[in-house]
Amino acid sequence: MCEIFDEIRREGEERGIKKGQIEGTVTTMREDGKSDQEIQKRLMKRYGLTKKKARKAVLLQYA
């Protein structure tokens, strides 16, 4: 049972780290004056996001 909880915790940590990296990438690229399309392409290439998820990540940073 503890193994299951450890696995769930580990997966949550990994998702959190990836989310932070994606947010950092979007912020840095915005500061560098990159377009939303350029940012989306980078997210798709670097993090393996689908076009829809990359677009969502970019749009969430506007909120």
C-alpha atoms as a PDB file:
ATOM      1  CA  MET A   1       0.000   0.000   0.000  1.00  0.00           C
ATOM      2  CA  CYS A   2       2.824   2.423   0.839  1.00  0.00           C
ATOM      3  CA  GLU A   3       4.354   1.684  -2.561  1.00  0.00           C
ATOM      4  CA  ILE A   4       1.179   2.907  -4.254  1.00  0.00           C
ATOM      5  CA  PHE A   5       1.213   6.170  -2.299  1.00  0.00           C
ATOM      6  CA  ASP A   6       4.910   6.657  -3.024  1.00  0.00           C
ATOM      7  CA  GLU A   7       4.227   6.167  -6.736  1.00  0.00           C
ATOM      8  CA  ILE A   8       1.357   8.675  -6.683  1.00  0.00           C
ATOM      9  CA  ARG A   9       3.472  11.224  -4.789  1.00  0.00           C
ATOM     10  CA  ARG A  10       6.389  10.780  -7.170  1.00  0.00           C
ATOM     11  CA  GLU A  11       4.155  11.235 -10.227  1.00  0.00           C
ATOM     12  CA  GLY A  12       2.674  14.383  -8.681  1.00  0.00           C
ATOM     13  CA  GLU A  13       6.132  15.793  -8.031  1.00  0.00           C
ATOM     14  CA  GLU A  14       7.198  15.079 -11.604  1.00  0.00           C
ATOM     15  CA  ARG A  15       4.087  16.799 -12.997  1.00  0.00           C
ATOM     16  CA  GLY A  16       4.704  19.787 -10.754  1.00  0.00           C
ATOM     17  CA  ILE A  17       8.297  20.093 -11.876  1.00  0.00           C
ATOM     18  CA  LYS A  18       7.305  19.840 -15.547  1.00  0.00           C
ATOM     19  CA  LYS A  19       4.571  22.449 -15.063  1.00  0.00           C
ATOM     20  CA  GLY A  20       7.077  24.824 -13.484  1.00  0.00           C
ATOM     21  CA  GLN A  21       9.532  24.299 -16.315  1.00  0.00           C
ATOM     22  CA  ILE A  22       6.840  25.000 -18.903  1.00  0.00           C
ATOM     23  CA  GLU A  23       5.745  28.165 -17.104  1.00  0.00           C
ATOM     24  CA  GLY A  24       9.356  29.307 -16.877  1.00  0.00           C
ATOM     25  CA  THR A  25       9.898  28.696 -20.575  1.00  0.00           C
ATOM     26  CA  VAL A  26       6.794  30.709 -21.490  1.00  0.00           C
ATOM     27  CA  THR A  27       7.804  33.585 -19.219  1.00  0.00           C
ATOM     28  CA  THR A  28      11.386  33.697 -20.484  1.00  0.00           C
ATOM     29  CA  MET A  29      10.373  33.536 -24.123  1.00  0.00           C
ATOM     30  CA  ARG A  30       7.801  36.298 -23.608  1.00  0.00           C
ATOM     31  CA  GLU A  31      10.471  38.467 -22.011  1.00  0.00           C
ATOM     32  CA  ASP A  32      12.623  37.811 -25.082  1.00  0.00           C
ATOM     33  CA  GLY A  33       9.789  39.071 -27.308  1.00  0.00           C
ATOM     34  CA  LYS A  34       8.888  35.734 -28.881  1.00  0.00           C
ATOM     35  CA  SER A  35       5.459  35.285 -30.450  1.00  0.00           C
ATOM     36  CA  ASP A  36       2.854  32.894 -29.082  1.00  0.00           C
ATOM     37  CA  GLN A  37       3.403  30.646 -32.092  1.00  0.00           C
ATOM     38  CA  GLU A  38       7.146  30.447 -31.436  1.00  0.00           C
ATOM     39  CA  ILE A  39       6.500  29.651 -27.790  1.00  0.00           C
ATOM     40  CA  GLN A  40       4.010  26.939 -28.682  1.00  0.00           C
ATOM     41  CA  LYS A  41       6.468  25.319 -31.083  1.00  0.00           C
ATOM     42  CA  ARG A  42       9.165  25.312 -28.397  1.00  0.00           C
ATOM     43  CA  LEU A  43       6.806  23.723 -25.857  1.00  0.00           C
ATOM     44  CA  MET A  44       5.786  21.045 -28.330  1.00  0.00           C
ATOM     45  CA  LYS A  45       9.378  20.228 -29.195  1.00  0.00           C
ATOM     46  CA  ARG A  46      10.957  20.451 -25.741  1.00  0.00           C
ATOM     47  CA  TYR A  47       8.179  18.964 -23.602  1.00  0.00           C
ATOM     48  CA  GLY A  48       6.323  16.810 -26.112  1.00  0.00           C
ATOM     49  CA  LEU A  49       3.074  18.726 -25.698  1.00  0.00           C
ATOM     50  CA  THR A  50       0.301  18.504 -28.236  1.00  0.00           C
ATOM     51  CA  LYS A  51      -0.568  21.677 -30.120  1.00  0.00           C
ATOM     52  CA  LYS A  52      -3.715  22.053 -28.003  1.00  0.00           C
ATOM     53  CA  LYS A  53      -1.848  21.681 -24.690  1.00  0.00           C
ATOM     54  CA  ALA A  54       0.931  24.039 -25.807  1.00  0.00           C
ATOM     55  CA  ARG A  55      -1.637  26.677 -26.765  1.00  0.00           C
ATOM     56  CA  LYS A  56      -3.386  26.249 -23.429  1.00  0.00           C
ATOM     57  CA  ALA A  57      -0.097  26.669 -21.561  1.00  0.00           C
ATOM     58  CA  VAL A  58       0.597  29.918 -23.414  1.00  0.00           C
ATOM     59  CA  LEU A  59      -2.900  31.262 -22.869  1.00  0.00           C
ATOM     60  CA  LEU A  60      -2.876  30.420 -19.152  1.00  0.00           C
ATOM     61  CA  GLN A  61       0.116  32.698 -18.681  1.00  0.00           C
ATOM     62  CA  TYR A  62      -2.034  35.665 -19.771  1.00  0.00           C
ATOM     63  CA  ALA A  63      -4.472  35.109 -16.922  1.00  0.00           C
END
